[in-house]
Amino acid sequence: MKILGVILAAGLSKRFKGNKMLFSYNGKPILQWTIDLLNSFNFDKLIIVNEKWEEYKDNFYLYDFKIIENKEYKNGISSSVKVAIKYALSHGYDNVLIFLGDMPLIPKKIIEKILNIQTQKPIIAPYYNEKKGFPTYIKKELFEEILKLEGDAGIKQIIKKHPNIVEKIIVDSPEVTVDFDYKP
């Protein structure tokens, strides 16, 4: 089973008023927290970025992450998810584990739980207080449907239409739902 870990970091940061990925949280940029977390796992890693990446990429230690620019990033998060899925399909991945670049607090134990669960359902996601969190694990059987997504909502569109295809992992960690959309 070949897994691709993906960080979506191509957003516009409209609500944040500045480059959210560079915002320093506990001594390092928000995005670096997610990069470091994924780096602790033994699967291939990818970051989806926008055209401004060249301006600030030197602020991060990238290990062996592959970087892909989403040229359609202004079309919303679904465009970044589709870039990731196209990459996964063209490189023979069976599953994709999607993270958001502005969620630096996800506990490692949650990811381990997601990776170790046995289920036939094509989506696995943590839920805190009935709210879907991240990361979201997607099996290959959904890749083609994901490529049809549009707008500024990602996998949530599929989950809304087919709630029964999600293996919900109930967690007691609010961090799986905490992103940095506004400056603290």
N, C-alpha and C. Protein backbone atom coordinates (compact mmCIF):
# COMPACT_ATOMS: atom_id res chain seq x y z
N MET A 1 0.85 -1.18 0.00
CA MET A 1 0.00 0.00 0.00
C MET A 1 0.90 1.25 0.00
N LYS A 2 0.79 2.03 -1.03
CA LYS A 2 1.64 3.21 -1.22
C LYS A 2 0.85 4.47 -0.83
N ILE A 3 1.36 5.20 0.17
CA ILE A 3 0.68 6.39 0.70
C ILE A 3 1.45 7.65 0.33
N LEU A 4 0.69 8.68 -0.03
CA LEU A 4 1.25 10.00 -0.29
C LEU A 4 0.69 10.97 0.75
N GLY A 5 1.57 11.59 1.52
CA GLY A 5 1.17 12.63 2.46
C GLY A 5 1.21 13.97 1.75
N VAL A 6 0.13 14.74 1.84
CA VAL A 6 0.02 16.00 1.11
C VAL A 6 -0.32 17.14 2.06
N ILE A 7 0.41 18.24 1.93
CA ILE A 7 0.08 19.46 2.65
C ILE A 7 -0.46 20.47 1.64
N LEU A 8 -1.68 20.94 1.88
CA LEU A 8 -2.26 21.97 1.03
C LEU A 8 -1.85 23.33 1.58
N ALA A 9 -1.05 24.06 0.81
CA ALA A 9 -0.53 25.35 1.27
C ALA A 9 -0.58 26.39 0.15
N ALA A 10 -1.61 26.33 -0.68
CA ALA A 10 -1.70 27.24 -1.82
C ALA A 10 -2.79 28.28 -1.67
N GLY A 11 -3.36 28.38 -0.47
CA GLY A 11 -4.47 29.31 -0.27
C GLY A 11 -4.08 30.77 -0.38
N LEU A 12 -5.08 31.63 -0.41
CA LEU A 12 -4.88 33.06 -0.57
C LEU A 12 -4.67 33.80 0.75
N SER A 13 -4.98 33.17 1.88
CA SER A 13 -4.87 33.80 3.20
C SER A 13 -5.65 35.11 3.28
N LYS A 14 -6.81 35.16 2.63
CA LYS A 14 -7.61 36.39 2.60
C LYS A 14 -8.00 36.87 4.00
N ARG A 15 -8.51 35.97 4.82
CA ARG A 15 -8.97 36.35 6.14
C ARG A 15 -7.82 36.64 7.09
N PHE A 16 -6.65 36.10 6.79
CA PHE A 16 -5.50 36.21 7.69
C PHE A 16 -4.78 37.54 7.59
N LYS A 17 -4.87 38.22 6.50
CA LYS A 17 -4.20 39.51 6.28
C LYS A 17 -2.67 39.34 6.29
N GLY A 18 -2.18 38.61 5.36
CA GLY A 18 -0.73 38.38 5.25
C GLY A 18 -0.48 36.92 4.90
N ASN A 19 0.78 36.56 4.76
CA ASN A 19 1.11 35.17 4.42
C ASN A 19 1.04 34.31 5.68
N LYS A 20 -0.02 33.57 5.77
CA LYS A 20 -0.28 32.74 6.93
C LYS A 20 0.81 31.69 7.15
N MET A 21 1.35 31.13 6.07
CA MET A 21 2.34 30.06 6.20
C MET A 21 3.62 30.53 6.87
N LEU A 22 3.89 31.84 6.81
CA LEU A 22 5.09 32.41 7.44
C LEU A 22 4.86 32.85 8.88
N PHE A 23 3.60 32.91 9.30
CA PHE A 23 3.29 33.39 10.65
C PHE A 23 4.01 32.52 11.68
N SER A 24 4.74 33.17 12.59
CA SER A 24 5.51 32.45 13.60
C SER A 24 4.60 31.99 14.73
N TYR A 25 4.61 30.69 14.95
CA TYR A 25 3.86 30.09 16.06
C TYR A 25 4.85 29.30 16.89
N ASN A 26 5.00 29.67 18.14
CA ASN A 26 5.95 29.01 19.04
C ASN A 26 7.33 28.84 18.41
N GLY A 27 7.80 29.91 17.75
CA GLY A 27 9.17 29.94 17.29
C GLY A 27 9.45 29.48 15.87
N LYS A 28 8.44 29.01 15.16
CA LYS A 28 8.68 28.65 13.76
C LYS A 28 7.41 28.88 12.95
N PRO A 29 7.57 29.00 11.63
CA PRO A 29 6.40 29.25 10.79
C PRO A 29 5.35 28.14 10.90
N ILE A 30 4.10 28.52 10.79
CA ILE A 30 2.99 27.55 10.90
C ILE A 30 3.21 26.36 9.98
N LEU A 31 3.56 26.61 8.73
CA LEU A 31 3.75 25.52 7.78
C LEU A 31 4.86 24.57 8.21
N GLN A 32 5.91 25.09 8.84
CA GLN A 32 7.02 24.22 9.25
C GLN A 32 6.56 23.17 10.27
N TRP A 33 5.60 23.53 11.12
CA TRP A 33 5.08 22.56 12.09
C TRP A 33 4.48 21.35 11.37
N THR A 34 3.71 21.61 10.32
CA THR A 34 3.08 20.51 9.57
C THR A 34 4.13 19.72 8.79
N ILE A 35 5.09 20.42 8.21
CA ILE A 35 6.18 19.74 7.49
C ILE A 35 6.92 18.80 8.44
N ASP A 36 7.27 19.30 9.62
CA ASP A 36 8.00 18.48 10.59
C ASP A 36 7.18 17.27 11.04
N LEU A 37 5.90 17.47 11.24
CA LEU A 37 5.03 16.37 11.64
C LEU A 37 5.01 15.27 10.57
N LEU A 38 4.78 15.64 9.34
CA LEU A 38 4.74 14.65 8.26
C LEU A 38 6.09 13.98 8.08
N ASN A 39 7.15 14.73 8.27
CA ASN A 39 8.48 14.16 8.09
C ASN A 39 8.77 13.01 9.06
N SER A 40 8.02 12.94 10.14
CA SER A 40 8.24 11.86 11.11
C SER A 40 7.61 10.54 10.66
N PHE A 41 6.96 10.53 9.50
CA PHE A 41 6.34 9.32 8.96
C PHE A 41 7.08 8.83 7.72
N ASN A 42 7.00 7.54 7.50
CA ASN A 42 7.73 6.92 6.40
C ASN A 42 6.83 6.72 5.18
N PHE A 43 6.42 7.82 4.58
CA PHE A 43 5.72 7.78 3.30
C PHE A 43 6.15 9.00 2.50
N ASP A 44 5.89 8.98 1.21
CA ASP A 44 6.28 10.11 0.36
C ASP A 44 5.45 11.34 0.72
N LYS A 45 6.06 12.51 0.49
CA LYS A 45 5.43 13.75 0.91
C LYS A 45 5.45 14.80 -0.19
N LEU A 46 4.37 15.59 -0.21
CA LEU A 46 4.15 16.58 -1.25
C LEU A 46 3.54 17.83 -0.62
N ILE A 47 3.96 19.01 -1.09
CA ILE A 47 3.32 20.26 -0.67
C ILE A 47 2.78 20.93 -1.92
N ILE A 48 1.51 21.31 -1.87
CA ILE A 48 0.88 22.05 -2.97
C ILE A 48 0.96 23.53 -2.60
N VAL A 49 1.60 24.32 -3.45
CA VAL A 49 1.82 25.74 -3.17
C VAL A 49 1.24 26.60 -4.29
N ASN A 50 1.28 27.92 -4.08
CA ASN A 50 0.84 28.83 -5.14
C ASN A 50 2.04 29.53 -5.78
N GLU A 51 1.77 30.44 -6.68
CA GLU A 51 2.83 31.09 -7.46
C GLU A 51 3.78 31.93 -6.61
N LYS A 52 3.41 32.27 -5.39
CA LYS A 52 4.25 33.10 -4.53
C LYS A 52 5.30 32.29 -3.76
N TRP A 53 5.29 30.99 -3.90
CA TRP A 53 6.18 30.09 -3.16
C TRP A 53 7.64 30.51 -3.28
N GLU A 54 8.07 30.88 -4.46
CA GLU A 54 9.47 31.25 -4.69
C GLU A 54 9.92 32.40 -3.77
N GLU A 55 8.98 33.26 -3.41
CA GLU A 55 9.30 34.42 -2.58
C GLU A 55 9.62 34.05 -1.13
N TYR A 56 9.07 32.94 -0.65
CA TYR A 56 9.23 32.63 0.77
C TYR A 56 9.68 31.19 1.07
N LYS A 57 10.00 30.42 0.06
CA LYS A 57 10.36 29.01 0.28
C LYS A 57 11.60 28.83 1.16
N ASP A 58 12.50 29.81 1.17
CA ASP A 58 13.73 29.68 1.95
C ASP A 58 13.49 29.78 3.46
N ASN A 59 12.27 30.04 3.88
CA ASN A 59 11.93 30.09 5.30
C ASN A 59 11.65 28.71 5.89
N PHE A 60 11.73 27.67 5.06
CA PHE A 60 11.35 26.33 5.50
C PHE A 60 12.46 25.32 5.26
N TYR A 61 12.54 24.35 6.15
CA TYR A 61 13.39 23.18 5.91
C TYR A 61 12.47 22.11 5.35
N LEU A 62 12.74 21.69 4.12
CA LEU A 62 11.78 20.87 3.38
C LEU A 62 12.08 19.38 3.33
N TYR A 63 13.16 18.93 3.99
CA TYR A 63 13.52 17.51 3.97
C TYR A 63 13.51 17.01 2.53
N ASP A 64 12.74 15.94 2.26
CA ASP A 64 12.66 15.41 0.89
C ASP A 64 11.26 15.59 0.30
N PHE A 65 10.57 16.63 0.73
CA PHE A 65 9.23 16.91 0.21
C PHE A 65 9.32 17.33 -1.26
N LYS A 66 8.37 16.87 -2.05
CA LYS A 66 8.23 17.33 -3.43
C LYS A 66 7.29 18.55 -3.38
N ILE A 67 7.59 19.56 -4.18
CA ILE A 67 6.78 20.78 -4.22
C ILE A 67 6.13 20.88 -5.59
N ILE A 68 4.82 21.11 -5.60
CA ILE A 68 4.10 21.31 -6.86
C ILE A 68 3.27 22.59 -6.75
N GLU A 69 3.37 23.41 -7.78
CA GLU A 69 2.59 24.64 -7.81
C GLU A 69 1.21 24.37 -8.39
N ASN A 70 0.20 24.86 -7.70
CA ASN A 70 -1.17 24.81 -8.20
C ASN A 70 -1.43 26.12 -8.94
N LYS A 71 -1.45 26.07 -10.25
CA LYS A 71 -1.65 27.27 -11.05
C LYS A 71 -3.10 27.77 -11.00
N GLU A 72 -4.00 26.92 -10.53
CA GLU A 72 -5.43 27.27 -10.44
C GLU A 72 -5.84 27.58 -9.00
N TYR A 73 -4.90 27.90 -8.12
CA TYR A 73 -5.18 28.04 -6.69
C TYR A 73 -6.29 29.05 -6.38
N LYS A 74 -6.49 30.04 -7.25
CA LYS A 74 -7.53 31.04 -7.00
C LYS A 74 -8.93 30.45 -7.13
N ASN A 75 -9.03 29.23 -7.64
CA ASN A 75 -10.32 28.53 -7.76
C ASN A 75 -10.70 27.79 -6.49
N GLY A 76 -9.92 27.92 -5.43
CA GLY A 76 -10.29 27.33 -4.16
C GLY A 76 -9.58 26.02 -3.85
N ILE A 77 -9.89 25.51 -2.66
CA ILE A 77 -9.18 24.34 -2.14
C ILE A 77 -9.36 23.10 -3.01
N SER A 78 -10.49 22.99 -3.69
CA SER A 78 -10.70 21.80 -4.53
C SER A 78 -9.64 21.71 -5.62
N SER A 79 -9.15 22.86 -6.09
CA SER A 79 -8.12 22.84 -7.14
C SER A 79 -6.81 22.23 -6.60
N SER A 80 -6.48 22.52 -5.35
CA SER A 80 -5.27 21.95 -4.75
C SER A 80 -5.44 20.45 -4.50
N VAL A 81 -6.62 20.06 -4.05
CA VAL A 81 -6.88 18.63 -3.83
C VAL A 81 -6.75 17.88 -5.15
N LYS A 82 -7.25 18.45 -6.22
CA LYS A 82 -7.17 17.80 -7.53
C LYS A 82 -5.72 17.69 -8.02
N VAL A 83 -4.90 18.71 -7.76
CA VAL A 83 -3.49 18.63 -8.13
C VAL A 83 -2.84 17.44 -7.40
N ALA A 84 -3.15 17.31 -6.12
CA ALA A 84 -2.59 16.20 -5.33
C ALA A 84 -3.05 14.84 -5.87
N ILE A 85 -4.32 14.74 -6.19
CA ILE A 85 -4.86 13.46 -6.67
C ILE A 85 -4.29 13.12 -8.05
N LYS A 86 -4.15 14.11 -8.91
CA LYS A 86 -3.54 13.85 -10.23
C LYS A 86 -2.11 13.34 -10.06
N TYR A 87 -1.38 13.94 -9.14
CA TYR A 87 -0.01 13.48 -8.86
C TYR A 87 -0.03 12.04 -8.34
N ALA A 88 -0.94 11.77 -7.41
CA ALA A 88 -1.04 10.42 -6.84
C ALA A 88 -1.35 9.39 -7.92
N LEU A 89 -2.29 9.71 -8.79
CA LEU A 89 -2.66 8.79 -9.87
C LEU A 89 -1.49 8.54 -10.82
N SER A 90 -0.79 9.60 -11.18
CA SER A 90 0.30 9.45 -12.16
C SER A 90 1.55 8.80 -11.56
N HIS A 91 1.60 8.68 -10.22
CA HIS A 91 2.76 8.08 -9.58
C HIS A 91 2.43 6.80 -8.81
N GLY A 92 1.25 6.24 -9.04
CA GLY A 92 0.91 4.93 -8.50
C GLY A 92 0.61 4.84 -7.02
N TYR A 93 0.09 5.91 -6.44
CA TYR A 93 -0.25 5.86 -5.01
C TYR A 93 -1.63 5.26 -4.82
N ASP A 94 -1.78 4.49 -3.73
CA ASP A 94 -3.05 3.84 -3.40
C ASP A 94 -3.92 4.72 -2.51
N ASN A 95 -3.28 5.57 -1.72
CA ASN A 95 -3.98 6.38 -0.74
C ASN A 95 -3.28 7.73 -0.59
N VAL A 96 -4.08 8.73 -0.23
CA VAL A 96 -3.56 10.07 0.00
C VAL A 96 -4.02 10.51 1.39
N LEU A 97 -3.09 11.11 2.13
CA LEU A 97 -3.38 11.63 3.46
C LEU A 97 -3.21 13.15 3.38
N ILE A 98 -4.33 13.88 3.47
CA ILE A 98 -4.33 15.32 3.24
C ILE A 98 -4.30 16.11 4.55
N PHE A 99 -3.36 17.05 4.60
CA PHE A 99 -3.20 17.98 5.72
C PHE A 99 -3.40 19.40 5.19
N LEU A 100 -3.75 20.32 6.07
CA LEU A 100 -3.79 21.73 5.73
C LEU A 100 -2.56 22.40 6.32
N GLY A 101 -1.95 23.29 5.57
CA GLY A 101 -0.73 23.94 6.03
C GLY A 101 -0.91 24.86 7.22
N ASP A 102 -2.16 25.23 7.51
CA ASP A 102 -2.41 26.15 8.63
C ASP A 102 -2.95 25.45 9.86
N MET A 103 -2.65 24.17 9.99
CA MET A 103 -3.10 23.41 11.17
C MET A 103 -1.89 22.79 11.86
N PRO A 104 -1.13 23.58 12.63
CA PRO A 104 0.13 23.11 13.20
C PRO A 104 0.01 22.26 14.46
N LEU A 105 -1.18 22.02 14.95
CA LEU A 105 -1.33 21.41 16.27
C LEU A 105 -1.78 19.94 16.26
N ILE A 106 -1.91 19.33 15.12
CA ILE A 106 -2.42 17.96 15.05
C ILE A 106 -1.46 17.00 15.77
N PRO A 107 -1.98 16.24 16.74
CA PRO A 107 -1.12 15.29 17.46
C PRO A 107 -0.72 14.09 16.58
N LYS A 108 0.52 13.67 16.72
CA LYS A 108 1.04 12.54 15.95
C LYS A 108 0.19 11.28 16.18
N LYS A 109 -0.32 11.11 17.41
CA LYS A 109 -1.09 9.91 17.73
C LYS A 109 -2.37 9.80 16.90
N ILE A 110 -2.93 10.93 16.48
CA ILE A 110 -4.13 10.92 15.64
C ILE A 110 -3.79 10.34 14.27
N ILE A 111 -2.66 10.77 13.72
CA ILE A 111 -2.23 10.26 12.41
C ILE A 111 -1.96 8.76 12.50
N GLU A 112 -1.30 8.34 13.55
CA GLU A 112 -1.02 6.91 13.74
C GLU A 112 -2.32 6.11 13.81
N LYS A 113 -3.30 6.66 14.49
CA LYS A 113 -4.60 5.99 14.60
C LYS A 113 -5.26 5.85 13.22
N ILE A 114 -5.21 6.93 12.43
CA ILE A 114 -5.79 6.91 11.08
C ILE A 114 -5.08 5.87 10.20
N LEU A 115 -3.76 5.84 10.28
CA LEU A 115 -2.98 4.92 9.44
C LEU A 115 -3.18 3.46 9.82
N ASN A 116 -3.56 3.21 11.07
CA ASN A 116 -3.67 1.83 11.55
C ASN A 116 -5.09 1.27 11.57
N ILE A 117 -6.07 2.08 11.26
CA ILE A 117 -7.45 1.60 11.31
C ILE A 117 -7.75 0.70 10.11
N GLN A 118 -8.49 -0.34 10.35
CA GLN A 118 -8.91 -1.26 9.29
C GLN A 118 -10.36 -0.96 8.95
N THR A 119 -10.60 -0.55 7.72
CA THR A 119 -11.96 -0.24 7.29
C THR A 119 -12.08 -0.39 5.78
N GLN A 120 -13.28 -0.68 5.33
CA GLN A 120 -13.55 -0.72 3.89
C GLN A 120 -13.96 0.64 3.35
N LYS A 121 -14.26 1.57 4.24
CA LYS A 121 -14.73 2.90 3.82
C LYS A 121 -13.59 3.66 3.15
N PRO A 122 -13.90 4.42 2.09
CA PRO A 122 -12.85 5.09 1.32
C PRO A 122 -12.30 6.39 1.92
N ILE A 123 -12.94 6.90 2.97
CA ILE A 123 -12.43 8.10 3.64
C ILE A 123 -12.33 7.81 5.14
N ILE A 124 -11.22 8.22 5.72
CA ILE A 124 -11.03 8.11 7.17
C ILE A 124 -10.67 9.51 7.66
N ALA A 125 -11.37 9.97 8.69
CA ALA A 125 -11.10 11.32 9.20
C ALA A 125 -11.38 11.40 10.69
N PRO A 126 -10.60 12.23 11.40
CA PRO A 126 -10.90 12.46 12.82
C PRO A 126 -12.06 13.43 12.96
N TYR A 127 -12.85 13.21 13.99
CA TYR A 127 -13.97 14.10 14.30
C TYR A 127 -13.87 14.50 15.78
N TYR A 128 -13.99 15.79 16.00
CA TYR A 128 -14.02 16.32 17.36
C TYR A 128 -15.32 17.09 17.53
N ASN A 129 -16.10 16.74 18.54
CA ASN A 129 -17.41 17.37 18.77
C ASN A 129 -18.25 17.41 17.49
N GLU A 130 -18.28 16.30 16.78
CA GLU A 130 -19.07 16.12 15.56
C GLU A 130 -18.60 16.97 14.38
N LYS A 131 -17.43 17.59 14.50
CA LYS A 131 -16.86 18.38 13.40
C LYS A 131 -15.69 17.62 12.79
N LYS A 132 -15.71 17.53 11.44
CA LYS A 132 -14.63 16.84 10.75
C LYS A 132 -13.34 17.62 10.90
N GLY A 133 -12.28 16.88 11.18
CA GLY A 133 -10.97 17.49 11.30
C GLY A 133 -10.02 16.97 10.24
N PHE A 134 -8.74 17.18 10.48
CA PHE A 134 -7.68 16.74 9.58
C PHE A 134 -6.63 15.99 10.37
N PRO A 135 -5.88 15.13 9.71
CA PRO A 135 -5.82 14.89 8.27
C PRO A 135 -6.97 14.01 7.79
N THR A 136 -7.17 14.03 6.47
CA THR A 136 -8.19 13.21 5.82
C THR A 136 -7.49 12.17 4.95
N TYR A 137 -7.81 10.92 5.20
CA TYR A 137 -7.22 9.80 4.47
C TYR A 137 -8.19 9.39 3.38
N ILE A 138 -7.70 9.32 2.14
CA ILE A 138 -8.56 9.01 1.01
C ILE A 138 -7.98 7.83 0.24
N LYS A 139 -8.84 6.86 0.00
CA LYS A 139 -8.41 5.68 -0.77
C LYS A 139 -8.62 5.91 -2.26
N LYS A 140 -7.84 5.19 -3.04
CA LYS A 140 -7.79 5.37 -4.50
C LYS A 140 -9.15 5.26 -5.18
N GLU A 141 -10.06 4.47 -4.62
CA GLU A 141 -11.37 4.30 -5.26
C GLU A 141 -12.15 5.61 -5.40
N LEU A 142 -11.77 6.64 -4.64
CA LEU A 142 -12.44 7.94 -4.72
C LEU A 142 -11.71 8.95 -5.59
N PHE A 143 -10.52 8.62 -6.06
CA PHE A 143 -9.71 9.59 -6.80
C PHE A 143 -10.45 10.19 -7.99
N GLU A 144 -11.11 9.38 -8.78
CA GLU A 144 -11.79 9.90 -9.98
C GLU A 144 -12.92 10.85 -9.61
N GLU A 145 -13.66 10.54 -8.56
CA GLU A 145 -14.74 11.44 -8.12
C GLU A 145 -14.17 12.77 -7.61
N ILE A 146 -13.04 12.71 -6.95
CA ILE A 146 -12.40 13.92 -6.44
C ILE A 146 -11.99 14.84 -7.58
N LEU A 147 -11.58 14.28 -8.68
CA LEU A 147 -11.16 15.09 -9.83
C LEU A 147 -12.30 15.91 -10.43
N LYS A 148 -13.54 15.62 -10.02
CA LYS A 148 -14.70 16.36 -10.50
C LYS A 148 -15.10 17.51 -9.57
N LEU A 149 -14.41 17.67 -8.45
CA LEU A 149 -14.75 18.71 -7.49
C LEU A 149 -14.51 20.10 -8.05
N GLU A 150 -15.28 21.06 -7.54
CA GLU A 150 -15.14 22.47 -7.93
C GLU A 150 -15.26 23.34 -6.69
N GLY A 151 -14.67 24.54 -6.74
CA GLY A 151 -14.91 25.55 -5.70
C GLY A 151 -14.01 25.47 -4.49
N ASP A 152 -14.41 26.25 -3.48
CA ASP A 152 -13.60 26.39 -2.27
C ASP A 152 -14.05 25.45 -1.16
N ALA A 153 -14.38 24.25 -1.54
CA ALA A 153 -14.64 23.18 -0.57
C ALA A 153 -14.01 21.94 -1.17
N GLY A 154 -13.32 21.19 -0.36
CA GLY A 154 -12.63 20.01 -0.87
C GLY A 154 -13.45 18.75 -0.73
N ILE A 155 -12.91 17.82 0.02
CA ILE A 155 -13.54 16.51 0.21
C ILE A 155 -14.89 16.63 0.92
N LYS A 156 -15.10 17.74 1.62
CA LYS A 156 -16.39 17.96 2.31
C LYS A 156 -17.57 17.82 1.35
N GLN A 157 -17.37 18.19 0.08
CA GLN A 157 -18.45 18.06 -0.90
C GLN A 157 -18.88 16.61 -1.05
N ILE A 158 -17.92 15.72 -1.09
CA ILE A 158 -18.22 14.29 -1.24
C ILE A 158 -18.82 13.75 0.05
N ILE A 159 -18.27 14.15 1.17
CA ILE A 159 -18.78 13.68 2.46
C ILE A 159 -20.23 14.13 2.66
N LYS A 160 -20.55 15.35 2.24
CA LYS A 160 -21.92 15.86 2.37
C LYS A 160 -22.90 15.01 1.56
N LYS A 161 -22.48 14.62 0.35
CA LYS A 161 -23.34 13.80 -0.50
C LYS A 161 -23.43 12.34 -0.02
N HIS A 162 -22.33 11.84 0.53
CA HIS A 162 -22.24 10.42 0.92
C HIS A 162 -21.66 10.27 2.32
N PRO A 163 -22.37 10.70 3.36
CA PRO A 163 -21.80 10.66 4.72
C PRO A 163 -21.45 9.24 5.20
N ASN A 164 -22.06 8.25 4.61
CA ASN A 164 -21.83 6.87 5.05
C ASN A 164 -20.50 6.29 4.54
N ILE A 165 -19.76 7.01 3.69
CA ILE A 165 -18.49 6.48 3.19
C ILE A 165 -17.30 6.92 4.05
N VAL A 166 -17.58 7.58 5.16
CA VAL A 166 -16.52 8.08 6.03
C VAL A 166 -16.41 7.21 7.29
N GLU A 167 -15.20 6.76 7.54
CA GLU A 167 -14.89 6.12 8.81
C GLU A 167 -14.52 7.24 9.76
N LYS A 168 -15.43 7.55 10.68
CA LYS A 168 -15.20 8.64 11.62
C LYS A 168 -14.41 8.13 12.82
N ILE A 169 -13.30 8.78 13.08
CA ILE A 169 -12.52 8.47 14.28
C ILE A 169 -12.82 9.57 15.28
N ILE A 170 -13.55 9.23 16.32
CA ILE A 170 -13.91 10.21 17.34
C ILE A 170 -12.69 10.44 18.23
N VAL A 171 -12.27 11.71 18.32
CA VAL A 171 -11.07 12.03 19.09
C VAL A 171 -11.39 13.07 20.16
N ASP A 172 -10.54 13.12 21.17
CA ASP A 172 -10.70 14.13 22.22
C ASP A 172 -9.67 15.25 22.06
N SER A 173 -9.23 15.46 20.83
CA SER A 173 -8.21 16.48 20.52
C SER A 173 -8.81 17.57 19.64
N PRO A 174 -9.15 18.72 20.21
CA PRO A 174 -9.71 19.80 19.40
C PRO A 174 -8.73 20.28 18.33
N GLU A 175 -7.45 19.96 18.49
CA GLU A 175 -6.43 20.42 17.54
C GLU A 175 -6.69 19.96 16.11
N VAL A 176 -7.44 18.89 15.92
CA VAL A 176 -7.70 18.38 14.57
C VAL A 176 -8.64 19.31 13.80
N THR A 177 -9.26 20.26 14.51
CA THR A 177 -10.18 21.20 13.87
C THR A 177 -9.69 22.66 13.95
N VAL A 178 -8.53 22.89 14.54
CA VAL A 178 -8.05 24.25 14.76
C VAL A 178 -7.10 24.69 13.65
N ASP A 179 -7.55 25.69 12.87
CA ASP A 179 -6.68 26.27 11.86
C ASP A 179 -6.46 27.74 12.19
N PHE A 180 -5.57 28.36 11.47
CA PHE A 180 -5.23 29.76 11.70
C PHE A 180 -5.78 30.60 10.54
N ASP A 181 -7.06 30.87 10.56
CA ASP A 181 -7.66 31.70 9.51
C ASP A 181 -7.54 33.18 9.84
N TYR A 182 -7.34 33.49 11.10
CA TYR A 182 -7.20 34.88 11.53
C TYR A 182 -5.97 34.99 12.40
N LYS A 183 -5.30 36.14 12.37
CA LYS A 183 -4.14 36.35 13.24
C LYS A 183 -4.58 36.35 14.68
N PRO A 184 -3.86 35.60 15.53
CA PRO A 184 -4.22 35.59 16.96
C PRO A 184 -3.96 36.94 17.61
